[in-house]
Amino acid sequence: MRKVYKNILVAVDGSEQAENALKEAVETTKRNDGHLVILTTVDTAPMLADAHASNYIAETSKNYLNSIILQAELEFPEGFDYETVKLEDNPKTAIVKYAEDNDIDLIMIGATGKGRIERALIGSTTAFVVNNAPCNVMVVK
């Protein structure tokens, strides 16, 4: 690795590949003595017509993603420098915008996520991030 990454973002969505990306991000952050941002997004836009459904899905997703993060925190070494960020927005644009606004050096993301139907209809979040990110992107399988 030629570049030192001090400000790393990992996007998690509960998929197996995102879990692998999180593990890789933790190791990369430790090697570089960096700071890790664990980003989760919940996209409620498709359900705007039904506020009750939108709130229910947003809350259920947040609880699920919180449990993923809590599990990961159990494996972090003492003094590990990280923070969690939860956004309600389109994951594609949220990841890229967060990286732009926060001087992220490296984004780590799973090769595929949970949204297989969305990916088939409008394209992969990972592909969007790779093509639009302001920094290097590591895709983890």
Protein backbone atom coordinates (compact mmCIF):
# COMPACT_ATOMS: atom_id res chain seq x y z
CA MET A 1 0.00 0.00 0.00
CA ARG A 2 1.63 3.24 -1.11
CA LYS A 3 -0.83 5.73 0.33
CA VAL A 4 -1.54 6.32 4.00
CA TYR A 5 -5.25 6.57 4.72
CA LYS A 6 -6.07 8.60 7.83
CA ASN A 7 -9.80 9.25 7.33
CA ILE A 8 -11.63 6.11 6.21
CA LEU A 9 -15.33 5.66 5.58
CA VAL A 10 -17.04 2.28 5.45
CA ALA A 11 -20.63 1.99 4.26
CA VAL A 12 -22.66 -0.77 5.92
CA ASP A 13 -26.10 -2.08 5.05
CA GLY A 14 -26.34 -5.44 6.79
CA SER A 15 -25.14 -7.50 3.83
CA GLU A 16 -22.38 -10.08 4.09
CA GLN A 17 -20.15 -8.01 1.81
CA ALA A 18 -20.69 -4.92 3.99
CA GLU A 19 -19.69 -6.95 7.04
CA ASN A 20 -16.52 -7.99 5.20
CA ALA A 21 -15.89 -4.34 4.25
CA LEU A 22 -16.26 -3.33 7.88
CA LYS A 23 -13.70 -5.92 8.99
CA GLU A 24 -11.28 -4.81 6.26
CA ALA A 25 -11.87 -1.15 7.20
CA VAL A 26 -11.04 -1.81 10.84
CA GLU A 27 -7.76 -3.49 9.87
CA THR A 28 -6.88 -0.73 7.40
CA THR A 29 -7.64 1.95 9.99
CA LYS A 30 -5.43 0.20 12.55
CA ARG A 31 -2.54 -0.17 10.05
CA ASN A 32 -2.73 3.51 9.16
CA ASP A 33 -3.39 4.77 12.71
CA GLY A 34 -6.42 6.48 11.23
CA HIS A 35 -10.01 7.41 12.01
CA LEU A 36 -12.93 5.25 10.84
CA VAL A 37 -16.40 6.52 9.99
CA ILE A 38 -19.07 3.79 9.89
CA LEU A 39 -21.86 5.14 7.71
CA THR A 40 -25.35 3.72 7.47
CA THR A 41 -28.14 5.12 5.35
CA VAL A 42 -31.86 4.52 5.28
CA ASP A 43 -33.65 5.58 2.12
CA THR A 44 -37.27 6.41 2.94
CA ALA A 45 -37.96 8.33 -0.30
CA PRO A 46 -39.75 5.42 -2.03
CA MET A 47 -42.31 5.37 0.79
CA LEU A 48 -43.10 9.08 1.07
CA ALA A 49 -46.73 8.47 0.09
CA ASP A 50 -47.32 6.49 3.29
CA ALA A 51 -45.83 8.28 6.29
CA HIS A 52 -46.63 5.39 8.65
CA ALA A 53 -44.86 2.84 6.44
CA SER A 54 -41.94 5.22 5.94
CA ASN A 55 -41.50 5.74 9.69
CA TYR A 56 -41.84 2.02 10.41
CA ILE A 57 -39.26 1.02 7.80
CA ALA A 58 -36.86 3.78 8.85
CA GLU A 59 -37.10 2.75 12.52
CA THR A 60 -36.75 -0.97 11.74
CA SER A 61 -33.73 -0.30 9.52
CA LYS A 62 -32.10 1.91 12.15
CA ASN A 63 -32.56 -0.75 14.82
CA TYR A 64 -31.12 -3.43 12.55
CA LEU A 65 -28.13 -1.31 11.57
CA ASN A 66 -27.57 -0.31 15.21
CA SER A 67 -27.33 -3.99 16.12
CA ILE A 68 -24.73 -4.52 13.37
CA ILE A 69 -22.65 -1.64 14.67
CA LEU A 70 -22.96 -2.76 18.31
CA GLN A 71 -21.73 -6.23 17.32
CA ALA A 72 -18.79 -4.75 15.43
CA GLU A 73 -17.87 -2.51 18.38
CA LEU A 74 -17.35 -5.59 20.53
CA GLU A 75 -14.43 -6.57 18.31
CA PHE A 76 -12.74 -3.15 18.18
CA PRO A 77 -9.45 -2.86 20.03
CA GLU A 78 -9.28 -0.57 23.04
CA GLY A 79 -8.80 3.05 22.04
CA PHE A 80 -9.89 2.44 18.43
CA ASP A 81 -10.74 5.80 16.79
CA TYR A 82 -14.13 5.63 15.12
CA GLU A 83 -17.55 7.21 14.92
CA THR A 84 -20.91 6.15 13.55
CA VAL A 85 -23.03 8.26 11.22
CA LYS A 86 -26.64 7.47 10.35
CA LEU A 87 -28.31 9.32 7.50
CA GLU A 88 -31.77 9.24 5.94
CA ASP A 89 -31.01 9.73 2.28
CA ASN A 90 -30.32 7.89 -0.94
CA PRO A 91 -27.29 5.68 -0.13
CA LYS A 92 -25.55 6.42 -3.44
CA THR A 93 -25.48 10.16 -3.07
CA ALA A 94 -25.17 10.15 0.73
CA ILE A 95 -21.91 8.18 0.68
CA VAL A 96 -20.31 10.38 -1.98
CA LYS A 97 -21.52 13.64 -0.42
CA TYR A 98 -20.33 12.61 3.05
CA ALA A 99 -16.91 11.76 1.63
CA GLU A 100 -16.70 15.13 -0.15
CA ASP A 101 -17.82 17.12 2.87
CA ASN A 102 -15.58 15.34 5.39
CA ASP A 103 -12.21 14.94 3.63
CA ILE A 104 -12.43 11.15 3.45
CA ASP A 105 -9.24 9.52 2.09
CA LEU A 106 -10.69 6.07 1.37
CA ILE A 107 -14.18 4.61 1.05
CA MET A 108 -14.62 0.91 1.69
CA ILE A 109 -17.83 -0.69 0.46
CA GLY A 110 -19.18 -4.16 -0.21
CA ALA A 111 -19.31 -5.43 -3.78
CA THR A 112 -23.04 -5.94 -3.48
CA GLY A 113 -25.54 -4.92 -0.86
CA LYS A 114 -29.01 -5.85 0.23
CA GLY A 115 -30.83 -3.91 -2.51
CA ARG A 116 -30.74 -6.43 -5.36
CA ILE A 117 -34.02 -5.28 -6.88
CA GLU A 118 -32.92 -1.64 -6.70
CA ARG A 119 -29.55 -2.57 -8.22
CA ALA A 120 -31.29 -4.28 -11.15
CA LEU A 121 -33.57 -1.29 -11.73
CA ILE A 122 -31.36 1.75 -11.21
CA GLY A 123 -27.80 0.52 -10.85
CA SER A 124 -25.46 -0.50 -8.11
CA THR A 125 -24.68 1.78 -5.18
CA THR A 126 -21.14 0.46 -5.32
CA ALA A 127 -20.75 1.33 -9.00
CA PHE A 128 -22.09 4.83 -8.37
CA VAL A 129 -19.67 5.38 -5.48
CA VAL A 130 -16.70 4.06 -7.48
CA ASN A 131 -17.52 6.41 -10.36
CA ASN A 132 -18.33 9.52 -8.32
CA ALA A 133 -16.28 9.43 -5.12
CA PRO A 134 -13.70 12.17 -4.54
CA CYS A 135 -11.19 9.62 -3.21
CA ASN A 136 -10.05 6.02 -3.64
CA VAL A 137 -12.66 3.32 -3.20
CA MET A 138 -11.93 -0.24 -2.09
CA VAL A 139 -14.60 -2.75 -3.08
CA VAL A 140 -14.70 -5.74 -0.76
CA LYS A 141 -16.26 -9.12 -1.58
